[in-house]
């Protein structure tokens, strides 16, 4: 087993994927302008936020590799998931604000291929294997892709991001009934939500979501303000802020209800 890949198996028909919580710069750390810059855009503490998922019987899959090394939620061909909009690449060359990640040369085609073989392909092979394992036991499986981002990233979106950003690639990756129930729970929280807004699902959601084959994929992008106190300005001294469990309690309650709803959905007939 790869020491950078953490798989915790459950028997419920739910997989929680955690593609962006890693901070390991592997064997390319010296190429970046600084380790802090290379790690700053991680989905900070999302694995801790969803720690309860195992208690519900969900399977979790997490890579420790930083998204700056390779982003396992991008199209492996290098094609943009959001044509015409700012985004980051399979092997990002800039951070979310558009600042360069590398001190010198950016990864060339051979280096991108090496990273894809070392980390992208094994991650998705493991995810597919867990889907296949659970599909032998359940008629329906939900792949829940868990993410977070700062509430304000002007290069990527205008204004303040809603707390809950549900992605189904315009309804193609999961049942509308599941989308409606997740959206209802988010709305009931009073914290704000949107379905298929700026974040409508990355490669994981779009690739694995095949409702007609019993695999329903949904992405949840959280605004970080729901579980930590975002500073007015990010510096190496101020970022990342720690997870604040008391502050996060309302968010955690809603996320718990959402994962329970995902499991309940997989038990429905039809």
Protein backbone atom coordinates (compact mmCIF):
# COMPACT_ATOMS: atom_id res chain seq x y z
CA UNK A 1 0.00 0.00 0.00
CA UNK A 2 1.24 3.49 -0.83
CA UNK A 3 2.13 5.36 2.37
CA UNK A 4 0.69 8.59 0.90
CA UNK A 5 -2.71 7.02 0.24
CA UNK A 6 -5.05 6.46 3.19
CA UNK A 7 -8.05 4.19 2.63
CA UNK A 8 -10.45 3.45 5.48
CA UNK A 9 -13.03 0.93 4.39
CA UNK A 10 -16.63 0.87 5.53
CA UNK A 11 -19.62 -1.18 4.49
CA UNK A 12 -22.13 1.63 3.89
CA UNK A 13 -22.68 2.51 0.22
CA UNK A 14 -20.89 5.85 0.60
CA UNK A 15 -17.35 6.91 -0.31
CA UNK A 16 -16.01 10.23 0.94
CA UNK A 17 -13.11 11.30 -1.25
CA UNK A 18 -10.58 13.81 0.10
CA UNK A 19 -8.39 14.84 -2.84
CA UNK A 20 -7.01 18.17 -1.62
CA UNK A 21 -6.22 17.87 2.09
CA UNK A 22 -2.62 16.71 1.52
CA UNK A 23 0.43 18.88 2.12
CA UNK A 24 3.23 16.46 1.17
CA UNK A 25 5.40 18.00 -1.53
CA UNK A 26 6.96 14.62 -2.27
CA UNK A 27 10.21 14.80 -4.22
CA UNK A 28 9.59 18.17 -5.85
CA UNK A 29 9.50 20.47 -2.82
CA UNK A 30 12.71 22.25 -3.75
CA UNK A 31 11.23 23.37 -7.07
CA UNK A 32 8.60 25.60 -5.47
CA UNK A 33 9.15 29.22 -4.49
CA UNK A 34 8.48 28.23 -0.89
CA UNK A 35 6.87 25.30 0.93
CA UNK A 36 4.28 27.63 2.44
CA UNK A 37 3.20 28.98 -0.94
CA UNK A 38 2.97 25.44 -2.33
CA UNK A 39 0.75 24.29 0.55
CA UNK A 40 -1.37 27.40 1.10
CA UNK A 41 -4.29 26.37 -1.15
CA UNK A 42 -4.89 23.01 0.52
CA UNK A 43 -8.43 22.15 1.61
CA UNK A 44 -7.33 22.75 5.18
CA UNK A 45 -8.67 20.38 7.85
CA UNK A 46 -11.41 18.90 5.66
CA UNK A 47 -10.28 15.39 6.59
CA UNK A 48 -10.71 16.33 10.26
CA UNK A 49 -14.05 17.98 9.56
CA UNK A 50 -15.38 14.74 8.06
CA UNK A 51 -13.73 12.45 10.63
CA UNK A 52 -17.21 11.35 11.72
CA UNK A 53 -17.80 9.70 8.30
CA UNK A 54 -16.13 6.45 9.40
CA UNK A 55 -18.53 6.22 12.34
CA UNK A 56 -21.40 6.23 9.82
CA UNK A 57 -19.84 3.29 7.97
CA UNK A 58 -18.54 5.34 5.04
CA UNK A 59 -15.32 4.55 3.21
CA UNK A 60 -12.83 7.42 3.08
CA UNK A 61 -10.01 7.87 0.58
CA UNK A 62 -7.38 10.54 1.15
CA UNK A 63 -4.15 11.43 -0.61
CA UNK A 64 -1.40 13.10 1.43
CA UNK A 65 0.13 14.58 -1.74
CA UNK A 66 -0.35 18.32 -2.15
CA UNK A 67 -2.52 19.53 -4.98
CA UNK A 68 0.43 21.71 -6.01
CA UNK A 69 2.37 18.56 -6.91
CA UNK A 70 -0.54 17.09 -8.86
CA UNK A 71 -4.24 17.78 -8.62
CA UNK A 72 -6.08 14.46 -8.62
CA UNK A 73 -9.37 16.27 -9.25
CA UNK A 74 -8.36 17.58 -12.68
CA UNK A 75 -8.82 15.97 -16.08
CA UNK A 76 -5.72 13.79 -16.60
CA UNK A 77 -5.57 14.91 -20.24
CA UNK A 78 -4.94 18.46 -19.08
CA UNK A 79 -8.22 19.76 -20.54
CA UNK A 80 -9.82 22.55 -18.52
CA UNK A 81 -12.91 21.67 -16.49
CA UNK A 82 -14.04 25.30 -16.68
CA UNK A 83 -13.28 26.63 -20.18
CA UNK A 84 -13.08 30.40 -20.26
CA UNK A 85 -12.75 30.70 -16.48
CA UNK A 86 -9.67 30.97 -14.29
CA UNK A 87 -8.62 27.66 -12.81
CA UNK A 88 -5.49 25.67 -11.95
CA UNK A 89 -3.95 22.89 -14.00
CA UNK A 90 -3.31 19.18 -13.48
CA UNK A 91 0.14 20.20 -12.23
CA UNK A 92 -0.57 23.76 -11.16
CA UNK A 93 1.88 26.52 -12.10
CA UNK A 94 0.11 29.27 -10.13
CA UNK A 95 -1.79 29.50 -6.87
CA UNK A 96 -5.47 30.48 -6.64
CA UNK A 97 -4.53 34.16 -6.72
CA UNK A 98 -2.50 33.74 -9.91
CA UNK A 99 0.94 34.02 -8.29
CA UNK A 100 3.65 31.66 -9.62
CA UNK A 101 4.29 28.50 -7.61
CA UNK A 102 7.70 27.70 -9.07
CA UNK A 103 11.01 29.42 -8.55
CA UNK A 104 12.18 28.42 -12.04
CA UNK A 105 10.97 26.15 -14.79
CA UNK A 106 7.48 24.69 -14.53
CA UNK A 107 6.85 20.96 -15.04
CA UNK A 108 7.31 19.82 -18.64
CA UNK A 109 5.32 17.04 -20.34
CA UNK A 110 7.65 14.29 -19.12
CA UNK A 111 7.47 15.49 -15.52
CA UNK A 112 3.69 15.76 -15.67
CA UNK A 113 3.55 12.19 -16.99
CA UNK A 114 5.77 11.03 -14.12
CA UNK A 115 3.59 12.68 -11.49
CA UNK A 116 0.44 11.34 -13.10
CA UNK A 117 1.84 7.79 -13.00
CA UNK A 118 3.14 8.12 -9.43
CA UNK A 119 0.12 9.70 -7.77
CA UNK A 120 -2.90 10.42 -9.98
CA UNK A 121 -3.30 6.94 -11.43
CA UNK A 122 -2.92 5.04 -8.12
CA UNK A 123 -5.37 7.37 -6.37
CA UNK A 124 -8.06 6.80 -8.97
CA UNK A 125 -7.34 3.09 -9.21
CA UNK A 126 -8.00 2.89 -5.47
CA UNK A 127 -11.18 4.95 -5.76
CA UNK A 128 -12.47 2.78 -8.60
CA UNK A 129 -11.65 -0.37 -6.62
CA UNK A 130 -13.72 0.88 -3.68
CA UNK A 131 -16.63 1.73 -5.96
CA UNK A 132 -16.45 -1.76 -7.46
CA UNK A 133 -16.24 -3.37 -4.01
CA UNK A 134 -19.32 -1.56 -2.75
CA UNK A 135 -21.28 -2.08 -5.96
CA UNK A 136 -21.07 -5.84 -5.41
CA UNK A 137 -22.96 -5.27 -2.13
CA UNK A 138 -25.27 -2.37 -2.98
CA UNK A 139 -27.48 -1.39 -5.91
CA UNK A 140 -26.51 2.25 -5.41
CA UNK A 141 -23.27 3.88 -4.29
CA UNK A 142 -22.66 7.56 -3.59
CA UNK A 143 -19.25 9.15 -4.19
CA UNK A 144 -19.10 12.35 -2.15
CA UNK A 145 -16.14 14.53 -3.12
CA UNK A 146 -15.26 16.75 -0.15
CA UNK A 147 -13.62 20.15 -0.65
CA UNK A 148 -13.21 23.62 0.85
CA UNK A 149 -11.85 26.98 -0.23
CA UNK A 150 -11.42 30.48 1.15
CA UNK A 151 -14.61 32.52 1.19
CA UNK A 152 -13.07 35.23 -1.01
CA UNK A 153 -10.84 34.40 -4.01
CA UNK A 154 -11.40 37.25 -6.50
CA UNK A 155 -9.54 35.52 -9.33
CA UNK A 156 -11.90 32.54 -9.15
CA UNK A 157 -15.25 34.09 -8.22
CA UNK A 158 -16.88 37.41 -7.37
CA UNK A 159 -17.82 38.37 -3.84
CA UNK A 160 -18.31 35.93 -1.00
CA UNK A 161 -18.83 32.26 -1.80
CA UNK A 162 -21.96 30.62 -0.37
CA UNK A 163 -21.28 28.30 2.56
CA UNK A 164 -22.41 25.17 0.69
CA UNK A 165 -21.57 24.72 -3.00
CA UNK A 166 -23.13 21.56 -4.39
CA UNK A 167 -21.78 20.24 -7.69
CA UNK A 168 -23.53 17.74 -9.97
CA UNK A 169 -22.39 19.06 -13.38
CA UNK A 170 -25.86 20.38 -14.12
CA UNK A 171 -27.65 17.31 -12.83
CA UNK A 172 -25.74 14.71 -14.83
CA UNK A 173 -23.73 13.02 -12.06
CA UNK A 174 -26.39 11.98 -9.56
CA UNK A 175 -30.11 11.54 -9.04
CA UNK A 176 -32.12 14.77 -8.80
CA UNK A 177 -33.69 13.32 -5.65
CA UNK A 178 -30.30 13.16 -3.95
CA UNK A 179 -29.42 16.68 -5.09
CA UNK A 180 -32.73 18.00 -3.80
CA UNK A 181 -32.30 16.42 -0.38
CA UNK A 182 -28.73 17.67 0.03
CA UNK A 183 -29.82 21.15 -1.05
CA UNK A 184 -32.76 21.04 1.37
CA UNK A 185 -30.49 20.20 4.30
CA UNK A 186 -28.09 22.99 3.34
CA UNK A 187 -30.94 25.49 3.07
CA UNK A 188 -32.30 24.42 6.45
CA UNK A 189 -28.96 25.35 8.02
CA UNK A 190 -29.56 29.00 7.18
CA UNK A 191 -25.95 29.33 6.03
CA UNK A 192 -26.50 29.75 2.28
CA UNK A 193 -26.11 27.31 -0.57
CA UNK A 194 -26.02 27.02 -4.35
CA UNK A 195 -26.32 24.08 -6.73
CA UNK A 196 -24.00 24.02 -9.75
CA UNK A 197 -22.75 27.54 -9.25
CA UNK A 198 -19.07 28.40 -9.62
CA UNK A 199 -18.13 24.86 -8.57
CA UNK A 200 -20.23 22.30 -10.38
CA UNK A 201 -18.03 19.27 -9.78
CA UNK A 202 -14.46 18.45 -10.69
CA UNK A 203 -13.09 15.50 -12.63
CA UNK A 204 -13.90 13.01 -9.88
CA UNK A 205 -17.59 13.92 -9.84
CA UNK A 206 -17.88 14.06 -13.61
CA UNK A 207 -15.88 10.89 -14.25
CA UNK A 208 -17.49 8.58 -11.71
CA UNK A 209 -21.03 9.94 -11.66
CA UNK A 210 -23.03 7.41 -13.68
CA UNK A 211 -26.52 7.34 -12.14
CA UNK A 212 -27.78 4.91 -14.75
CA UNK A 213 -25.09 2.47 -13.55
CA UNK A 214 -25.86 2.94 -9.87
CA UNK A 215 -22.99 5.34 -9.09
CA UNK A 216 -24.10 8.79 -7.94
CA UNK A 217 -21.38 11.42 -7.52
CA UNK A 218 -21.77 14.79 -5.82
CA UNK A 219 -19.21 17.44 -4.89
CA UNK A 220 -19.42 19.64 -1.82
CA UNK A 221 -17.26 22.75 -1.80
CA UNK A 222 -17.39 24.48 1.58
CA UNK A 223 -16.46 28.07 2.29
CA UNK A 224 -13.80 27.83 5.00
CA UNK A 225 -15.41 30.45 7.19
CA UNK A 226 -17.80 27.78 8.43
CA UNK A 227 -15.10 25.97 10.39
CA UNK A 228 -12.19 28.36 10.89
CA UNK A 229 -11.63 32.09 11.30
CA UNK A 230 -10.28 33.43 8.03
CA UNK A 231 -7.73 36.25 8.40
CA UNK A 232 -8.14 39.51 6.54
CA UNK A 233 -4.76 38.90 4.93
CA UNK A 234 -2.93 35.61 4.48
CA UNK A 235 0.69 35.49 5.57
CA UNK A 236 2.92 32.63 6.60
CA UNK A 237 2.27 33.63 10.20
CA UNK A 238 -1.52 33.82 9.86
CA UNK A 239 -2.32 30.93 7.53
CA UNK A 240 -3.65 28.35 7.88
CA UNK A 241 -5.82 29.13 10.85
CA UNK A 242 -6.66 26.12 13.05
CA UNK A 243 -9.92 24.23 12.88
CA UNK A 244 -12.28 25.62 15.52
CA UNK A 245 -14.58 22.74 16.58
CA UNK A 246 -16.97 24.97 18.54
CA UNK A 247 -17.28 27.42 15.64
CA UNK A 248 -17.68 24.48 13.24
CA UNK A 249 -20.41 22.73 15.25
CA UNK A 250 -23.39 24.01 13.17
CA UNK A 251 -21.57 23.13 9.95
CA UNK A 252 -20.62 19.70 11.26
CA UNK A 253 -24.23 19.02 12.23
CA UNK A 254 -25.39 19.78 8.69
CA UNK A 255 -22.62 17.72 7.11
CA UNK A 256 -23.54 14.79 9.34
CA UNK A 257 -27.15 15.06 8.22
CA UNK A 258 -26.01 15.21 4.59
CA UNK A 259 -23.91 12.06 4.79
CA UNK A 260 -26.71 10.25 6.58
CA UNK A 261 -29.03 11.34 3.76
CA UNK A 262 -26.58 10.00 1.19
CA UNK A 263 -26.59 6.62 2.93
CA UNK A 264 -30.39 6.63 3.22
CA UNK A 265 -30.61 7.39 -0.52
CA UNK A 266 -28.54 4.30 -1.35
CA UNK A 267 -31.05 2.14 0.53
CA UNK A 268 -34.03 3.32 -1.47
CA UNK A 269 -35.45 1.16 -4.19
CA UNK A 270 -35.64 2.23 -7.79
